[in-house]
Amino acid sequence: MTEKSDKSFDELMKSLNAQPDNLERSFEELVASATLEDGSIDLAAFDNAPAVGYNGGVKCDVTSGPCSCGAWH
């Protein structure tokens, strides 16, 4: 089970943008980081999530699970 970060979404995105190539992020972690306190999901968080993985040289938003590139990592 993935633990929810104590960082705000903006703080998390800033930290990910600083070193995105050195990170791993599962689909579940991406969902958790985009989930608001009321349980709704901020779709802009998905659109603006920095790439952390690669598939055929294309940067991807997750390193495991379903990805916006159309693959399953």
Protein backbone atom coordinates (compact mmCIF):
# COMPACT_ATOMS: atom_id res chain seq x y z
CA MET A 1 0.00 0.00 0.00
CA THR A 2 1.32 3.44 -0.88
CA GLU A 3 1.71 6.03 1.85
CA LYS A 4 0.32 9.50 1.22
CA SER A 5 2.93 12.25 1.23
CA ASP A 6 2.77 15.04 3.80
CA LYS A 7 3.91 17.47 1.10
CA SER A 8 1.39 19.64 -0.68
CA PHE A 9 0.80 18.81 -4.33
CA ASP A 10 2.72 21.93 -5.41
CA GLU A 11 5.69 20.99 -3.20
CA LEU A 12 5.64 17.45 -4.56
CA MET A 13 5.57 18.64 -8.17
CA LYS A 14 8.46 21.03 -7.51
CA SER A 15 10.54 18.23 -5.99
CA LEU A 16 9.73 15.89 -8.88
CA ASN A 17 10.60 18.53 -11.46
CA ALA A 18 13.98 19.00 -9.79
CA GLN A 19 15.18 15.44 -10.51
CA PRO A 20 12.51 13.51 -12.43
CA ASP A 21 14.94 11.09 -14.10
CA ASN A 22 16.11 9.71 -10.75
CA LEU A 23 12.64 8.84 -9.48
CA GLU A 24 10.28 5.93 -9.68
CA ARG A 25 6.54 6.39 -9.47
CA SER A 26 3.78 3.82 -9.80
CA PHE A 27 0.35 4.57 -11.17
CA GLU A 28 -1.02 4.20 -7.64
CA GLU A 29 1.43 6.83 -6.38
CA LEU A 30 0.44 9.19 -9.18
CA VAL A 31 -3.23 8.76 -8.25
CA ALA A 32 -2.45 9.31 -4.56
CA SER A 33 -0.54 12.50 -5.30
CA ALA A 34 -3.43 13.83 -7.40
CA THR A 35 -6.18 12.91 -4.91
CA LEU A 36 -7.62 15.90 -3.08
CA GLU A 37 -8.79 15.88 0.54
CA ASP A 38 -12.44 15.44 -0.51
CA GLY A 39 -11.49 12.27 -2.44
CA SER A 40 -11.80 13.79 -5.90
CA ILE A 41 -8.93 13.60 -8.37
CA ASP A 42 -7.29 16.70 -9.80
CA LEU A 43 -7.00 15.82 -13.50
CA ALA A 44 -4.55 18.70 -14.04
CA ALA A 45 -2.17 16.82 -11.73
CA PHE A 46 -2.11 13.95 -14.23
CA ASP A 47 -1.58 16.31 -17.16
CA ASN A 48 1.23 18.16 -15.38
CA ALA A 49 3.00 15.23 -13.74
CA PRO A 50 6.66 15.25 -14.75
CA ALA A 51 7.97 12.26 -16.65
CA VAL A 52 9.93 9.75 -14.58
CA GLY A 53 10.34 6.76 -16.88
CA TYR A 54 10.93 5.87 -20.52
CA ASN A 55 9.27 3.60 -23.05
CA GLY A 56 11.12 3.32 -26.35
CA GLY A 57 12.87 6.61 -25.64
CA VAL A 58 9.60 8.45 -24.90
CA LYS A 59 9.33 9.93 -21.40
CA CYS A 60 6.49 8.47 -19.32
CA ASP A 61 4.65 9.62 -16.21
CA VAL A 62 5.07 6.35 -14.25
CA THR A 63 7.62 3.55 -13.97
CA SER A 64 5.06 0.85 -13.07
CA GLY A 65 1.42 0.35 -13.95
CA PRO A 66 -0.65 1.94 -16.74
CA CYS A 67 0.93 4.97 -18.35
CA SER A 68 -0.14 7.90 -20.50
CA CYS A 69 2.19 6.62 -23.25
CA GLY A 70 -0.25 3.73 -23.74
CA ALA A 71 2.00 1.07 -22.22
CA TRP A 72 1.94 -0.91 -19.00
CA HIS A 73 5.27 -0.55 -17.17
